[in-house]
Amino acid sequence: MNDELLEQNKKFRSILDMSNIEARDFLLKGDSYCNLDLPIYIKFDNLLMNVHKYLENKRINSCYSNIKPREIENLNHV
C-alpha cells in the first residue's frame, strides 16, 4: 500500500517547483482545481481564460477598489 502511494506521489509535481509560465499554464486548466468527478457540462476553462485575458495587461491593484468587503451590502449570500 505504501509503495502505491509513493508511486502515485511521484506523478504529482509541486507548483513551487514550476517556472512562472508552467505554474500559470497549470492554473489556467480547470481540472487543476478539483479532482472530483463533476458532470461533463461543468467546465471552468472558459471562466479561467476570460479572467486571464481580463487581467493579462493590468496591474493587480487596478482590479480592486478601496471599498472594504464589509461595506458592500448583499456581498454574501444568506
Foldseek 3Di string as FASTA:
>chain_A
DVVVVVVVVVVDDDLVPDDPVVNLVLVLAQCSPDPDPDPPVDGCNVVSVVVCVVCVPPDPVVVDDPDDPVNDPPPDDD
